[in-house]
């Protein structure tokens, strides 16, 4: 193996390990937090960042070919779809939660002064 292949292997392996570390932190956050929005935030950040690191590591190891282009398109799709779906689920939780006062408070906009109360 040439030196360039070793460097590519080590960088790709490092990115895969960063993705694995992000997934481990995500799992700890999901099981440790008590409120559903905190759990969802940990899961969404972990998914986006962890999958990004892991697939980027696979792209580096694979080299420049058609497979790496497809993996890059998967990263782009996940970076757009995961935050949008998390935001929609969070809005559903906030609008349907009957015990919202226990976890957060809502602010209403004063119509005359345009300031929050």
Protein backbone atom coordinates (compact mmCIF):
# COMPACT_ATOMS: atom_id res chain seq x y z
CA UNK A 1 0.00 0.00 0.00
CA UNK A 2 1.21 3.46 -0.78
CA UNK A 3 1.40 6.27 1.74
CA UNK A 4 -1.62 8.01 0.20
CA UNK A 5 -3.78 4.93 0.68
CA UNK A 6 -2.72 4.68 4.33
CA UNK A 7 -3.53 8.34 4.92
CA UNK A 8 -6.91 7.91 3.24
CA UNK A 9 -7.60 4.81 5.35
CA UNK A 10 -6.62 6.55 8.60
CA UNK A 11 -8.66 9.69 7.86
CA UNK A 12 -11.67 7.58 6.86
CA UNK A 13 -11.31 5.43 9.97
CA UNK A 14 -11.05 8.54 12.14
CA UNK A 15 -14.25 9.93 10.64
CA UNK A 16 -16.00 6.61 11.20
CA UNK A 17 -14.88 6.66 14.85
CA UNK A 18 -16.15 10.24 15.22
CA UNK A 19 -19.50 9.09 13.86
CA UNK A 20 -19.54 6.18 16.30
CA UNK A 21 -18.72 8.53 19.18
CA UNK A 22 -21.54 10.84 18.14
CA UNK A 23 -23.97 7.92 18.08
CA UNK A 24 -22.88 6.86 21.59
CA UNK A 25 -23.42 10.40 22.91
CA UNK A 26 -26.81 10.45 21.18
CA UNK A 27 -27.87 7.21 22.85
CA UNK A 28 -26.81 8.51 26.25
CA UNK A 29 -28.78 11.72 25.67
CA UNK A 30 -31.89 9.88 24.53
CA UNK A 31 -31.94 7.67 27.61
CA UNK A 32 -30.87 10.34 30.09
CA UNK A 33 -33.18 13.23 29.23
CA UNK A 34 -36.70 13.11 30.65
CA UNK A 35 -38.70 15.46 28.46
CA UNK A 36 -39.63 14.34 24.95
CA UNK A 37 -38.35 17.49 23.20
CA UNK A 38 -34.94 17.15 24.85
CA UNK A 39 -34.77 13.52 23.79
CA UNK A 40 -35.78 14.40 20.27
CA UNK A 41 -33.15 17.14 20.08
CA UNK A 42 -30.43 14.70 21.14
CA UNK A 43 -31.63 12.16 18.60
CA UNK A 44 -31.87 14.66 15.74
CA UNK A 45 -28.44 16.18 16.33
CA UNK A 46 -26.89 12.75 16.75
CA UNK A 47 -28.48 11.41 13.61
CA UNK A 48 -27.48 14.34 11.46
CA UNK A 49 -23.93 14.65 12.73
CA UNK A 50 -23.26 10.94 13.30
CA UNK A 51 -24.51 9.82 9.91
CA UNK A 52 -22.65 12.70 8.29
CA UNK A 53 -19.35 11.67 9.89
CA UNK A 54 -19.87 7.98 9.13
CA UNK A 55 -20.80 8.48 5.50
CA UNK A 56 -18.02 11.03 5.02
CA UNK A 57 -15.59 8.43 6.35
CA UNK A 58 -16.92 5.90 3.86
CA UNK A 59 -16.55 8.46 1.06
CA UNK A 60 -12.90 9.05 1.99
CA UNK A 61 -12.17 5.32 2.17
CA UNK A 62 -14.01 4.61 -1.09
CA UNK A 63 -12.24 7.33 -3.06
CA UNK A 64 -13.66 9.40 -5.87
CA UNK A 65 -16.12 7.22 -7.75
CA UNK A 66 -19.85 6.88 -8.39
CA UNK A 67 -20.43 5.26 -4.99
CA UNK A 68 -18.99 8.26 -3.19
CA UNK A 69 -21.31 10.55 -5.19
CA UNK A 70 -24.32 8.49 -4.08
CA UNK A 71 -23.14 8.58 -0.45
CA UNK A 72 -22.74 12.35 -0.69
CA UNK A 73 -26.30 12.67 -2.01
CA UNK A 74 -27.52 10.60 0.95
CA UNK A 75 -25.74 13.04 3.30
CA UNK A 76 -27.39 16.00 1.57
CA UNK A 77 -30.83 14.37 1.77
CA UNK A 78 -30.41 13.57 5.47
CA UNK A 79 -29.15 17.07 6.28
CA UNK A 80 -32.34 18.52 4.77
CA UNK A 81 -34.91 15.97 5.91
CA UNK A 82 -33.87 15.27 9.52
CA UNK A 83 -34.17 18.86 10.85
CA UNK A 84 -37.46 19.42 9.03
CA UNK A 85 -39.04 16.24 10.39
CA UNK A 86 -37.74 16.98 13.91
CA UNK A 87 -39.18 20.48 13.75
CA UNK A 88 -42.59 19.20 12.67
CA UNK A 89 -42.67 16.58 15.42
CA UNK A 90 -41.67 19.22 17.99
CA UNK A 91 -44.45 21.55 16.85
CA UNK A 92 -46.93 18.70 17.14
CA UNK A 93 -45.74 17.98 20.69
CA UNK A 94 -46.01 21.62 21.73
CA UNK A 95 -49.47 22.07 20.24
CA UNK A 96 -50.94 18.85 21.69
CA UNK A 97 -49.25 18.71 25.10
CA UNK A 98 -51.76 19.18 27.91
CA UNK A 99 -49.13 19.66 30.62
CA UNK A 100 -47.05 22.30 28.87
CA UNK A 101 -46.59 24.43 31.99
CA UNK A 102 -44.39 21.83 33.62
CA UNK A 103 -41.67 21.97 30.97
CA UNK A 104 -41.77 25.43 29.41
CA UNK A 105 -43.76 28.65 29.39
CA UNK A 106 -45.34 30.34 26.44
CA UNK A 107 -44.94 34.01 25.65
CA UNK A 108 -47.65 36.06 24.04
CA UNK A 109 -47.08 39.10 21.90
CA UNK A 110 -48.70 42.28 23.20
CA UNK A 111 -50.54 43.81 20.26
CA UNK A 112 -50.13 47.46 21.33
CA UNK A 113 -46.42 47.55 22.10
CA UNK A 114 -45.28 44.59 19.98
CA UNK A 115 -43.30 43.30 22.96
CA UNK A 116 -43.39 39.98 24.68
CA UNK A 117 -45.20 39.81 28.02
